[in-house]
């Protein structure tokens, strides 16, 4: 199975859960490779919420949806710009359980990508890998490296089974 096919299978797996909703950039409209995986997985448009580029608000919205009973799959086409959501990610999503003394534990699945430098290098702000830093900044969030087709579906299964939020990092060069 190719890397892309494994991602499509994973999106179908996520979609099989009634409470899953996909939000972010390029979820309803083409503009990024991630859109194609949603299209090929035949994710219904009613389960997709297209958002503008406002990363911090996107994670906050994802937390609110999770507190309301949804399982948001929050899509950030570039991990570089997930950093713009550091406040919500590090100070809120990662700390909800602790801050609420175990009363609240919103679960969000964040899907993001390290951009490819081929066939054209998009520049240094579009292809950095911040996976290690995210693990240090968010000790209460599972961070997965989807570095081969063989581990893609397994990592999404782990994210679904976990009670914690997860960040799944794809690699554009593997598409």
C-alpha atoms as a PDB file:
ATOM      1  CA  UNK A   1       0.000   0.000   0.000  1.00  0.00           C
ATOM      2  CA  UNK A   2       1.310   3.445  -0.882  1.00  0.00           C
ATOM      3  CA  UNK A   3       1.706   6.231   1.687  1.00  0.00           C
ATOM      4  CA  UNK A   4      -1.189   8.155   0.154  1.00  0.00           C
ATOM      5  CA  UNK A   5      -3.408   5.054   0.077  1.00  0.00           C
ATOM      6  CA  UNK A   6      -2.686   4.480   3.770  1.00  0.00           C
ATOM      7  CA  UNK A   7      -3.774   8.058   4.496  1.00  0.00           C
ATOM      8  CA  UNK A   8      -6.984   7.566   2.506  1.00  0.00           C
ATOM      9  CA  UNK A   9      -7.695   4.373   4.445  1.00  0.00           C
ATOM     10  CA  UNK A  10      -7.054   6.246   7.698  1.00  0.00           C
ATOM     11  CA  UNK A  11      -9.480   9.016   6.715  1.00  0.00           C
ATOM     12  CA  UNK A  12     -12.137   6.362   6.012  1.00  0.00           C
ATOM     13  CA  UNK A  13     -11.446   4.867   9.429  1.00  0.00           C
ATOM     14  CA  UNK A  14     -11.914   8.262  11.087  1.00  0.00           C
ATOM     15  CA  UNK A  15     -15.073   8.922   9.083  1.00  0.00           C
ATOM     16  CA  UNK A  16     -16.596   5.656  10.314  1.00  0.00           C
ATOM     17  CA  UNK A  17     -17.058   7.308  13.727  1.00  0.00           C
ATOM     18  CA  UNK A  18     -20.313   9.257  13.893  1.00  0.00           C
ATOM     19  CA  UNK A  19     -18.904  12.080  16.050  1.00  0.00           C
ATOM     20  CA  UNK A  20     -15.828  12.799  13.880  1.00  0.00           C
ATOM     21  CA  UNK A  21     -15.720  16.129  12.090  1.00  0.00           C
ATOM     22  CA  UNK A  22     -12.910  17.413   9.856  1.00  0.00           C
ATOM     23  CA  UNK A  23     -11.959  21.078  10.204  1.00  0.00           C
ATOM     24  CA  UNK A  24      -9.198  23.264   8.845  1.00  0.00           C
ATOM     25  CA  UNK A  25      -7.660  24.540   5.671  1.00  0.00           C
ATOM     26  CA  UNK A  26      -8.284  22.688   2.394  1.00  0.00           C
ATOM     27  CA  UNK A  27     -10.917  20.352   3.781  1.00  0.00           C
ATOM     28  CA  UNK A  28     -13.752  21.448   1.454  1.00  0.00           C
ATOM     29  CA  UNK A  29     -11.751  23.079  -1.333  1.00  0.00           C
ATOM     30  CA  UNK A  30      -8.666  21.884  -3.196  1.00  0.00           C
ATOM     31  CA  UNK A  31      -5.423  23.579  -2.334  1.00  0.00           C
ATOM     32  CA  UNK A  32      -3.301  20.962  -0.645  1.00  0.00           C
ATOM     33  CA  UNK A  33      -2.467  17.248  -0.891  1.00  0.00           C
ATOM     34  CA  UNK A  34      -4.469  16.525   2.267  1.00  0.00           C
ATOM     35  CA  UNK A  35      -7.638  17.591   0.454  1.00  0.00           C
ATOM     36  CA  UNK A  36      -7.146  14.776  -2.045  1.00  0.00           C
ATOM     37  CA  UNK A  37      -7.056  12.173   0.717  1.00  0.00           C
ATOM     38  CA  UNK A  38     -10.389  13.426   2.052  1.00  0.00           C
ATOM     39  CA  UNK A  39     -11.875  13.389  -1.449  1.00  0.00           C
ATOM     40  CA  UNK A  40     -10.610   9.888  -2.213  1.00  0.00           C
ATOM     41  CA  UNK A  41     -11.913   8.677   1.152  1.00  0.00           C
ATOM     42  CA  UNK A  42     -15.289  10.150   0.167  1.00  0.00           C
ATOM     43  CA  UNK A  43     -15.644  12.125   3.384  1.00  0.00           C
ATOM     44  CA  UNK A  44     -19.100  13.770   3.198  1.00  0.00           C
ATOM     45  CA  UNK A  45     -19.045  17.558   2.907  1.00  0.00           C
ATOM     46  CA  UNK A  46     -21.448  17.759   5.853  1.00  0.00           C
ATOM     47  CA  UNK A  47     -18.572  16.484   8.052  1.00  0.00           C
ATOM     48  CA  UNK A  48     -16.104  19.107   6.768  1.00  0.00           C
ATOM     49  CA  UNK A  49     -15.726  22.665   8.038  1.00  0.00           C
ATOM     50  CA  UNK A  50     -13.447  24.887   5.957  1.00  0.00           C
ATOM     51  CA  UNK A  51     -11.584  27.517   7.970  1.00  0.00           C
ATOM     52  CA  UNK A  52      -9.470  30.508   7.039  1.00  0.00           C
ATOM     53  CA  UNK A  53      -5.860  30.761   8.102  1.00  0.00           C
ATOM     54  CA  UNK A  54      -6.249  31.433  11.835  1.00  0.00           C
ATOM     55  CA  UNK A  55      -4.398  28.642  13.555  1.00  0.00           C
ATOM     56  CA  UNK A  56      -4.815  29.671  17.206  1.00  0.00           C
ATOM     57  CA  UNK A  57      -8.563  30.021  16.756  1.00  0.00           C
ATOM     58  CA  UNK A  58      -8.695  26.701  14.907  1.00  0.00           C
ATOM     59  CA  UNK A  59      -7.242  24.807  17.891  1.00  0.00           C
ATOM     60  CA  UNK A  60      -9.564  26.720  20.244  1.00  0.00           C
ATOM     61  CA  UNK A  61     -12.544  25.827  18.047  1.00  0.00           C
ATOM     62  CA  UNK A  62     -11.371  22.199  17.999  1.00  0.00           C
ATOM     63  CA  UNK A  63     -11.256  22.173  21.805  1.00  0.00           C
ATOM     64  CA  UNK A  64     -14.785  23.582  21.976  1.00  0.00           C
ATOM     65  CA  UNK A  65     -16.076  20.974  19.529  1.00  0.00           C
ATOM     66  CA  UNK A  66     -14.389  18.238  21.585  1.00  0.00           C
ATOM     67  CA  UNK A  67     -15.960  19.544  24.790  1.00  0.00           C
ATOM     68  CA  UNK A  68     -19.307  19.445  22.945  1.00  0.00           C
ATOM     69  CA  UNK A  69     -18.995  15.743  22.131  1.00  0.00           C
ATOM     70  CA  UNK A  70     -17.357  15.817  18.716  1.00  0.00           C
ATOM     71  CA  UNK A  71     -14.004  14.282  17.826  1.00  0.00           C
ATOM     72  CA  UNK A  72     -12.461  16.990  15.651  1.00  0.00           C
ATOM     73  CA  UNK A  73      -9.772  16.101  13.156  1.00  0.00           C
ATOM     74  CA  UNK A  74      -8.087  19.483  12.907  1.00  0.00           C
ATOM     75  CA  UNK A  75      -6.056  19.793   9.710  1.00  0.00           C
ATOM     76  CA  UNK A  76      -2.994  22.021   9.395  1.00  0.00           C
ATOM     77  CA  UNK A  77      -1.390  21.606   5.947  1.00  0.00           C
ATOM     78  CA  UNK A  78       2.011  22.715   7.280  1.00  0.00           C
ATOM     79  CA  UNK A  79       3.465  21.958  10.692  1.00  0.00           C
ATOM     80  CA  UNK A  80       5.379  25.258  10.437  1.00  0.00           C
ATOM     81  CA  UNK A  81       2.123  27.159  10.904  1.00  0.00           C
ATOM     82  CA  UNK A  82       0.783  24.899  13.651  1.00  0.00           C
ATOM     83  CA  UNK A  83       3.293  26.863  15.739  1.00  0.00           C
ATOM     84  CA  UNK A  84       0.972  29.869  15.371  1.00  0.00           C
ATOM     85  CA  UNK A  85      -1.446  27.903  17.585  1.00  0.00           C
ATOM     86  CA  UNK A  86       1.127  27.359  20.341  1.00  0.00           C
ATOM     87  CA  UNK A  87      -0.958  29.193  22.963  1.00  0.00           C
ATOM     88  CA  UNK A  88      -4.018  26.991  22.499  1.00  0.00           C
ATOM     89  CA  UNK A  89      -1.945  23.865  21.941  1.00  0.00           C
ATOM     90  CA  UNK A  90       0.573  24.187  24.796  1.00  0.00           C
ATOM     91  CA  UNK A  91      -1.369  26.189  27.389  1.00  0.00           C
ATOM     92  CA  UNK A  92      -4.851  24.775  26.829  1.00  0.00           C
ATOM     93  CA  UNK A  93      -5.297  21.510  24.897  1.00  0.00           C
ATOM     94  CA  UNK A  94      -2.280  19.933  26.596  1.00  0.00           C
ATOM     95  CA  UNK A  95      -3.369  21.151  30.061  1.00  0.00           C
ATOM     96  CA  UNK A  96      -7.203  20.831  30.127  1.00  0.00           C
ATOM     97  CA  UNK A  97      -7.227  17.667  32.225  1.00  0.00           C
ATOM     98  CA  UNK A  98      -4.800  19.114  34.755  1.00  0.00           C
ATOM     99  CA  UNK A  99      -6.463  22.543  34.886  1.00  0.00           C
ATOM    100  CA  UNK A 100      -9.906  21.025  35.452  1.00  0.00           C
ATOM    101  CA  UNK A 101      -8.678  18.479  38.023  1.00  0.00           C
ATOM    102  CA  UNK A 102      -9.730  15.647  35.703  1.00  0.00           C
ATOM    103  CA  UNK A 103     -13.207  16.991  34.986  1.00  0.00           C
ATOM    104  CA  UNK A 104     -12.531  17.799  31.305  1.00  0.00           C
ATOM    105  CA  UNK A 105     -10.269  16.101  28.811  1.00  0.00           C
ATOM    106  CA  UNK A 106     -11.176  17.241  25.291  1.00  0.00           C
ATOM    107  CA  UNK A 107      -9.752  14.932  22.650  1.00  0.00           C
ATOM    108  CA  UNK A 108      -8.593  16.427  19.356  1.00  0.00           C
ATOM    109  CA  UNK A 109      -6.742  14.706  16.537  1.00  0.00           C
ATOM    110  CA  UNK A 110      -4.428  17.129  14.763  1.00  0.00           C
ATOM    111  CA  UNK A 111      -3.284  16.199  11.285  1.00  0.00           C
ATOM    112  CA  UNK A 112      -0.300  18.129   9.945  1.00  0.00           C
ATOM    113  CA  UNK A 113       2.566  17.787   7.482  1.00  0.00           C
ATOM    114  CA  UNK A 114       6.251  18.520   7.067  1.00  0.00           C
ATOM    115  CA  UNK A 115       6.424  20.013   3.595  1.00  0.00           C
ATOM    116  CA  UNK A 116       8.436  18.445   0.815  1.00  0.00           C
ATOM    117  CA  UNK A 117      11.415  20.194  -0.743  1.00  0.00           C
ATOM    118  CA  UNK A 118      10.783  18.404  -4.061  1.00  0.00           C
ATOM    119  CA  UNK A 119      10.024  19.088  -6.848  1.00  0.00           C
ATOM    120  CA  UNK A 120      10.277  22.745  -5.786  1.00  0.00           C
ATOM    121  CA  UNK A 121      11.656  23.939  -2.487  1.00  0.00           C
ATOM    122  CA  UNK A 122       8.894  26.057  -0.873  1.00  0.00           C
ATOM    123  CA  UNK A 123      11.352  27.886   1.365  1.00  0.00           C
ATOM    124  CA  UNK A 124      12.475  27.398   4.945  1.00  0.00           C
ATOM    125  CA  UNK A 125       9.156  28.385   6.537  1.00  0.00           C
ATOM    126  CA  UNK A 126       7.247  25.579   4.761  1.00  0.00           C
ATOM    127  CA  UNK A 127       9.325  22.437   5.331  1.00  0.00           C
ATOM    128  CA  UNK A 128      10.647  22.413   8.904  1.00  0.00           C
ATOM    129  CA  UNK A 129      10.074  19.432  11.171  1.00  0.00           C
ATOM    130  CA  UNK A 130       8.933  20.480  14.654  1.00  0.00           C
ATOM    131  CA  UNK A 131       7.917  17.001  15.817  1.00  0.00           C
ATOM    132  CA  UNK A 132      10.557  16.746  18.548  1.00  0.00           C
ATOM    133  CA  UNK A 133       9.746  20.225  19.881  1.00  0.00           C
ATOM    134  CA  UNK A 134       6.018  19.422  20.001  1.00  0.00           C
ATOM    135  CA  UNK A 135       6.744  16.325  22.075  1.00  0.00           C
ATOM    136  CA  UNK A 136       8.653  18.471  24.565  1.00  0.00           C
ATOM    137  CA  UNK A 137       6.057  21.255  24.640  1.00  0.00           C
ATOM    138  CA  UNK A 138       3.016  18.967  24.889  1.00  0.00           C
ATOM    139  CA  UNK A 139       3.783  16.054  27.219  1.00  0.00           C
ATOM    140  CA  UNK A 140       0.077  15.193  27.536  1.00  0.00           C
ATOM    141  CA  UNK A 141      -0.509  14.908  23.778  1.00  0.00           C
ATOM    142  CA  UNK A 142       0.607  11.877  21.770  1.00  0.00           C
ATOM    143  CA  UNK A 143       2.768  12.906  18.816  1.00  0.00           C
ATOM    144  CA  UNK A 144       3.164  10.397  15.983  1.00  0.00           C
ATOM    145  CA  UNK A 145       5.638  10.482  13.070  1.00  0.00           C
ATOM    146  CA  UNK A 146       4.006   8.986  10.009  1.00  0.00           C
ATOM    147  CA  UNK A 147       7.363   8.297   8.410  1.00  0.00           C
ATOM    148  CA  UNK A 148       6.363   5.251   6.349  1.00  0.00           C
ATOM    149  CA  UNK A 149       3.251   3.833   4.733  1.00  0.00           C
ATOM    150  CA  UNK A 150       3.462   0.882   7.114  1.00  0.00           C
ATOM    151  CA  UNK A 151       2.748   2.908  10.258  1.00  0.00           C
ATOM    152  CA  UNK A 152       0.084   5.346   9.019  1.00  0.00           C
ATOM    153  CA  UNK A 153      -3.065   3.323   9.717  1.00  0.00           C
ATOM    154  CA  UNK A 154      -1.633   1.939  12.968  1.00  0.00           C
ATOM    155  CA  UNK A 155      -0.903   5.446  14.274  1.00  0.00           C
ATOM    156  CA  UNK A 156      -4.414   6.643  13.429  1.00  0.00           C
ATOM    157  CA  UNK A 157      -5.827   3.573  15.187  1.00  0.00           C
ATOM    158  CA  UNK A 158      -3.747   4.429  18.268  1.00  0.00           C
ATOM    159  CA  UNK A 159      -4.967   8.028  18.149  1.00  0.00           C
ATOM    160  CA  UNK A 160      -8.573   6.843  18.002  1.00  0.00           C
ATOM    161  CA  UNK A 161      -8.087   4.388  20.880  1.00  0.00           C
ATOM    162  CA  UNK A 162      -6.315   6.868  23.149  1.00  0.00           C
ATOM    163  CA  UNK A 163      -8.121   9.079  25.628  1.00  0.00           C
ATOM    164  CA  UNK A 164      -5.555  11.792  24.905  1.00  0.00           C
ATOM    165  CA  UNK A 165      -5.296  14.244  22.045  1.00  0.00           C
ATOM    166  CA  UNK A 166      -2.887  13.367  19.249  1.00  0.00           C
ATOM    167  CA  UNK A 167      -0.772  15.111  16.642  1.00  0.00           C
ATOM    168  CA  UNK A 168      -0.067  13.020  13.543  1.00  0.00           C
ATOM    169  CA  UNK A 169       2.813  14.348  11.453  1.00  0.00           C
ATOM    170  CA  UNK A 170       2.858  13.403   7.781  1.00  0.00           C
ATOM    171  CA  UNK A 171       5.745  13.885   5.386  1.00  0.00           C
ATOM    172  CA  UNK A 172       4.923  15.523   2.062  1.00  0.00           C
ATOM    173  CA  UNK A 173       7.821  13.862   0.287  1.00  0.00           C
ATOM    174  CA  UNK A 174       6.239  10.455   0.900  1.00  0.00           C
ATOM    175  CA  UNK A 175       3.014  11.261  -0.928  1.00  0.00           C
END
